[in-house]
C-alpha atoms as a PDB file:
ATOM      1  CA  UNK A   1     -28.685  10.339  33.587  1.00  0.00           C
ATOM      2  CA  UNK A   2     -24.945  10.411  34.198  1.00  0.00           C
ATOM      3  CA  UNK A   3     -23.274  13.641  35.213  1.00  0.00           C
ATOM      4  CA  UNK A   4     -21.084  14.775  32.375  1.00  0.00           C
ATOM      5  CA  UNK A   5     -18.783  17.728  32.753  1.00  0.00           C
ATOM      6  CA  UNK A   6     -17.758  20.060  29.988  1.00  0.00           C
ATOM      7  CA  UNK A   7     -14.219  18.698  30.428  1.00  0.00           C
ATOM      8  CA  UNK A   8     -15.527  15.150  29.809  1.00  0.00           C
ATOM      9  CA  UNK A   9     -17.277  16.285  26.631  1.00  0.00           C
ATOM     10  CA  UNK A  10     -14.187  18.120  25.355  1.00  0.00           C
ATOM     11  CA  UNK A  11     -11.922  15.196  26.280  1.00  0.00           C
ATOM     12  CA  UNK A  12     -14.272  12.733  24.564  1.00  0.00           C
ATOM     13  CA  UNK A  13     -14.427  14.808  21.397  1.00  0.00           C
ATOM     14  CA  UNK A  14     -10.634  15.098  21.303  1.00  0.00           C
ATOM     15  CA  UNK A  15     -10.247  11.349  21.697  1.00  0.00           C
ATOM     16  CA  UNK A  16     -12.857  10.606  19.020  1.00  0.00           C
ATOM     17  CA  UNK A  17     -11.619  13.370  16.744  1.00  0.00           C
ATOM     18  CA  UNK A  18      -8.060  12.133  17.125  1.00  0.00           C
ATOM     19  CA  UNK A  19      -9.235   8.664  16.210  1.00  0.00           C
ATOM     20  CA  UNK A  20     -10.828   9.990  13.040  1.00  0.00           C
ATOM     21  CA  UNK A  21      -7.686  11.934  12.179  1.00  0.00           C
ATOM     22  CA  UNK A  22      -5.598   8.832  12.769  1.00  0.00           C
ATOM     23  CA  UNK A  23      -7.914   6.750  10.571  1.00  0.00           C
ATOM     24  CA  UNK A  24      -7.723   9.360   7.792  1.00  0.00           C
ATOM     25  CA  UNK A  25      -3.938   9.439   8.053  1.00  0.00           C
ATOM     26  CA  UNK A  26      -3.834   5.640   7.853  1.00  0.00           C
ATOM     27  CA  UNK A  27      -5.958   5.658   4.713  1.00  0.00           C
ATOM     28  CA  UNK A  28      -3.782   8.244   2.974  1.00  0.00           C
ATOM     29  CA  UNK A  29      -0.617   6.391   3.999  1.00  0.00           C
ATOM     30  CA  UNK A  30      -2.064   3.135   2.705  1.00  0.00           C
ATOM     31  CA  UNK A  31      -2.981   4.812  -0.590  1.00  0.00           C
ATOM     32  CA  UNK A  32       0.575   6.096  -0.937  1.00  0.00           C
ATOM     33  CA  UNK A  33       1.901   2.541  -0.534  1.00  0.00           C
ATOM     34  CA  UNK A  34       0.001   1.110  -3.528  1.00  0.00           C
ATOM     35  CA  UNK A  35       2.643   0.066  -6.069  1.00  0.00           C
ATOM     36  CA  UNK A  36       2.678   1.782  -9.435  1.00  0.00           C
ATOM     37  CA  UNK A  37       1.746  -0.576 -12.269  1.00  0.00           C
ATOM     38  CA  UNK A  38       3.955  -0.763 -15.364  1.00  0.00           C
ATOM     39  CA  UNK A  39       6.162   2.071 -14.059  1.00  0.00           C
ATOM     40  CA  UNK A  40       3.336   4.504 -14.800  1.00  0.00           C
ATOM     41  CA  UNK A  41       2.796   3.520 -18.435  1.00  0.00           C
ATOM     42  CA  UNK A  42      -0.737   3.460 -19.869  1.00  0.00           C
ATOM     43  CA  UNK A  43      -1.796  -0.206 -20.215  1.00  0.00           C
ATOM     44  CA  UNK A  44      -4.530   0.641 -22.727  1.00  0.00           C
ATOM     45  CA  UNK A  45      -2.172   2.560 -25.036  1.00  0.00           C
ATOM     46  CA  UNK A  46      -0.361  -0.651 -25.973  1.00  0.00           C
ATOM     47  CA  UNK A  47      -3.630  -1.813 -27.537  1.00  0.00           C
ATOM     48  CA  UNK A  48      -4.986   1.467 -28.930  1.00  0.00           C
ATOM     49  CA  UNK A  49      -1.801   3.334 -29.907  1.00  0.00           C
ATOM     50  CA  UNK A  50       0.400   0.321 -30.596  1.00  0.00           C
ATOM     51  CA  UNK A  51       3.196   1.687 -28.423  1.00  0.00           C
ATOM     52  CA  UNK A  52       4.107   2.392 -24.805  1.00  0.00           C
ATOM     53  CA  UNK A  53       2.832   5.785 -23.607  1.00  0.00           C
ATOM     54  CA  UNK A  54       3.435   7.284 -20.172  1.00  0.00           C
ATOM     55  CA  UNK A  55       0.319   7.796 -18.091  1.00  0.00           C
ATOM     56  CA  UNK A  56      -0.501  10.929 -16.124  1.00  0.00           C
ATOM     57  CA  UNK A  57      -0.684  10.950 -12.305  1.00  0.00           C
ATOM     58  CA  UNK A  58      -4.005  12.799 -12.404  1.00  0.00           C
ATOM     59  CA  UNK A  59      -5.622  10.090 -14.587  1.00  0.00           C
ATOM     60  CA  UNK A  60      -5.276   6.931 -12.534  1.00  0.00           C
ATOM     61  CA  UNK A  61      -7.183   3.943 -11.235  1.00  0.00           C
ATOM     62  CA  UNK A  62      -6.377   1.420  -8.516  1.00  0.00           C
ATOM     63  CA  UNK A  63      -6.949  -2.206  -9.463  1.00  0.00           C
ATOM     64  CA  UNK A  64      -5.590  -5.504  -8.155  1.00  0.00           C
ATOM     65  CA  UNK A  65      -3.445  -3.778  -5.526  1.00  0.00           C
ATOM     66  CA  UNK A  66      -1.672  -1.603  -8.118  1.00  0.00           C
ATOM     67  CA  UNK A  67      -2.114   1.980  -9.270  1.00  0.00           C
ATOM     68  CA  UNK A  68      -2.530   2.295 -13.033  1.00  0.00           C
ATOM     69  CA  UNK A  69      -1.964   5.579 -14.848  1.00  0.00           C
ATOM     70  CA  UNK A  70      -3.442   6.570 -18.203  1.00  0.00           C
ATOM     71  CA  UNK A  71      -2.655   9.125 -20.897  1.00  0.00           C
ATOM     72  CA  UNK A  72      -6.352   9.940 -21.439  1.00  0.00           C
ATOM     73  CA  UNK A  73      -9.569   9.675 -19.456  1.00  0.00           C
ATOM     74  CA  UNK A  74     -10.937   7.514 -22.274  1.00  0.00           C
ATOM     75  CA  UNK A  75      -8.160   4.987 -21.729  1.00  0.00           C
ATOM     76  CA  UNK A  76      -8.968   4.895 -18.022  1.00  0.00           C
ATOM     77  CA  UNK A  77     -12.626   4.204 -18.815  1.00  0.00           C
ATOM     78  CA  UNK A  78     -11.659   1.374 -21.197  1.00  0.00           C
ATOM     79  CA  UNK A  79      -9.445  -0.129 -18.492  1.00  0.00           C
ATOM     80  CA  UNK A  80     -12.160   0.134 -15.831  1.00  0.00           C
ATOM     81  CA  UNK A  81     -14.581  -1.654 -18.149  1.00  0.00           C
ATOM     82  CA  UNK A  82     -12.224  -4.655 -18.605  1.00  0.00           C
ATOM     83  CA  UNK A  83      -9.035  -4.536 -16.508  1.00  0.00           C
ATOM     84  CA  UNK A  84      -8.233  -8.229 -17.002  1.00  0.00           C
ATOM     85  CA  UNK A  85      -7.996  -7.612 -20.751  1.00  0.00           C
ATOM     86  CA  UNK A  86      -5.653  -4.591 -20.517  1.00  0.00           C
ATOM     87  CA  UNK A  87      -3.431  -5.345 -17.518  1.00  0.00           C
ATOM     88  CA  UNK A  88      -0.091  -7.051 -18.227  1.00  0.00           C
ATOM     89  CA  UNK A  89      -0.306 -10.782 -17.647  1.00  0.00           C
ATOM     90  CA  UNK A  90       2.397 -10.921 -14.972  1.00  0.00           C
ATOM     91  CA  UNK A  91       2.155  -7.472 -13.442  1.00  0.00           C
ATOM     92  CA  UNK A  92       5.448  -5.609 -13.345  1.00  0.00           C
ATOM     93  CA  UNK A  93       7.499  -8.714 -14.079  1.00  0.00           C
ATOM     94  CA  UNK A  94       9.193 -10.132 -17.166  1.00  0.00           C
ATOM     95  CA  UNK A  95       7.125 -12.867 -18.816  1.00  0.00           C
ATOM     96  CA  UNK A  96      10.174 -14.620 -20.317  1.00  0.00           C
ATOM     97  CA  UNK A  97      12.080 -14.668 -17.029  1.00  0.00           C
ATOM     98  CA  UNK A  98       9.027 -16.051 -15.254  1.00  0.00           C
ATOM     99  CA  UNK A  99       8.751 -18.801 -17.875  1.00  0.00           C
ATOM    100  CA  UNK A 100      12.358 -19.651 -16.962  1.00  0.00           C
ATOM    101  CA  UNK A 101      11.567 -19.684 -13.233  1.00  0.00           C
ATOM    102  CA  UNK A 102      13.158 -16.299 -12.496  1.00  0.00           C
ATOM    103  CA  UNK A 103      11.782 -13.044 -11.094  1.00  0.00           C
ATOM    104  CA  UNK A 104      12.961 -10.031 -13.121  1.00  0.00           C
ATOM    105  CA  UNK A 105      11.418  -6.556 -13.148  1.00  0.00           C
ATOM    106  CA  UNK A 106      10.037  -5.711 -16.566  1.00  0.00           C
ATOM    107  CA  UNK A 107      10.822  -2.659 -18.687  1.00  0.00           C
ATOM    108  CA  UNK A 108       7.529  -1.370 -20.160  1.00  0.00           C
ATOM    109  CA  UNK A 109       9.369  -0.431 -23.374  1.00  0.00           C
ATOM    110  CA  UNK A 110       9.805  -4.165 -24.097  1.00  0.00           C
ATOM    111  CA  UNK A 111       6.381  -5.595 -24.787  1.00  0.00           C
ATOM    112  CA  UNK A 112       4.258  -7.938 -26.857  1.00  0.00           C
ATOM    113  CA  UNK A 113       0.539  -8.355 -27.427  1.00  0.00           C
ATOM    114  CA  UNK A 114      -0.460 -11.893 -28.318  1.00  0.00           C
ATOM    115  CA  UNK A 115      -3.961 -13.383 -28.227  1.00  0.00           C
ATOM    116  CA  UNK A 116      -5.197  -9.978 -26.968  1.00  0.00           C
ATOM    117  CA  UNK A 117      -2.957 -10.211 -23.891  1.00  0.00           C
ATOM    118  CA  UNK A 118      -0.185  -7.833 -22.890  1.00  0.00           C
ATOM    119  CA  UNK A 119       3.197  -9.239 -21.900  1.00  0.00           C
ATOM    120  CA  UNK A 120       6.105  -7.075 -20.775  1.00  0.00           C
ATOM    121  CA  UNK A 121       9.755  -8.082 -20.577  1.00  0.00           C
ATOM    122  CA  UNK A 122      12.968  -7.208 -18.787  1.00  0.00           C
ATOM    123  CA  UNK A 123      15.090  -7.217 -21.930  1.00  0.00           C
ATOM    124  CA  UNK A 124      14.543  -6.187 -25.519  1.00  0.00           C
ATOM    125  CA  UNK A 125      14.807  -8.531 -28.517  1.00  0.00           C
ATOM    126  CA  UNK A 126      16.136 -11.125 -28.903  1.00  0.00           C
ATOM    127  CA  UNK A 127      16.046 -11.877 -25.149  1.00  0.00           C
ATOM    128  CA  UNK A 128      12.515 -10.682 -24.402  1.00  0.00           C
ATOM    129  CA  UNK A 129       9.544 -10.600 -26.772  1.00  0.00           C
ATOM    130  CA  UNK A 130      11.218 -12.438 -29.656  1.00  0.00           C
ATOM    131  CA  UNK A 131      12.439 -15.280 -27.464  1.00  0.00           C
ATOM    132  CA  UNK A 132       9.036 -15.545 -25.754  1.00  0.00           C
ATOM    133  CA  UNK A 133       7.292 -15.780 -29.138  1.00  0.00           C
ATOM    134  CA  UNK A 134       9.512 -18.620 -30.395  1.00  0.00           C
ATOM    135  CA  UNK A 135       7.475 -21.044 -28.309  1.00  0.00           C
ATOM    136  CA  UNK A 136       4.624 -18.835 -27.189  1.00  0.00           C
ATOM    137  CA  UNK A 137       2.207 -21.522 -25.984  1.00  0.00           C
ATOM    138  CA  UNK A 138       4.829 -23.351 -23.906  1.00  0.00           C
ATOM    139  CA  UNK A 139       6.238 -20.100 -22.480  1.00  0.00           C
ATOM    140  CA  UNK A 140       2.776 -18.884 -21.451  1.00  0.00           C
ATOM    141  CA  UNK A 141       2.099 -22.225 -19.730  1.00  0.00           C
ATOM    142  CA  UNK A 142       5.457 -22.175 -17.912  1.00  0.00           C
ATOM    143  CA  UNK A 143       5.060 -18.539 -16.838  1.00  0.00           C
ATOM    144  CA  UNK A 144       1.561 -19.235 -15.515  1.00  0.00           C
ATOM    145  CA  UNK A 145       2.845 -22.300 -13.627  1.00  0.00           C
ATOM    146  CA  UNK A 146       5.507 -20.082 -12.024  1.00  0.00           C
ATOM    147  CA  UNK A 147       3.062 -17.266 -11.176  1.00  0.00           C
ATOM    148  CA  UNK A 148       3.124 -18.298  -7.499  1.00  0.00           C
ATOM    149  CA  UNK A 149       6.774 -17.202  -7.396  1.00  0.00           C
ATOM    150  CA  UNK A 150       5.721 -13.566  -7.849  1.00  0.00           C
ATOM    151  CA  UNK A 151       5.789 -11.287  -4.811  1.00  0.00           C
ATOM    152  CA  UNK A 152       2.411 -10.809  -3.146  1.00  0.00           C
ATOM    153  CA  UNK A 153       2.095  -7.228  -4.508  1.00  0.00           C
ATOM    154  CA  UNK A 154       1.432  -8.655  -7.989  1.00  0.00           C
END
């Protein structure tokens, strides 16, 4: 059996304990770096309330490398059960701009639900939702083709 001094035991516990503290700090820092989805708006509210509603920080859920906030716990549960259905199709980016090959941050106040999918836009009508709807099928195809242009956080 190796001779172990009290100093060795204390030193070892400080090194290991420091490692655990460092790991915990890394996890909390990483959690803080998760981007906020839809500027904190409740993705489910577009479907259930028919309007944009701000989510609450205490009712949130991390999905697809984004932090989603919700106005009610029930909305969070609906989202958890089917996030692909409720999440905006192009993350935090304007669907119309993406269809045109551009990257533009979306404003959650400018939105459209079509074929049970949520699209958000950088500009209000006629530049956003109305323009996108004029040739919906073609715009959805073009935006999906340009999806690779989106930053990796989306």
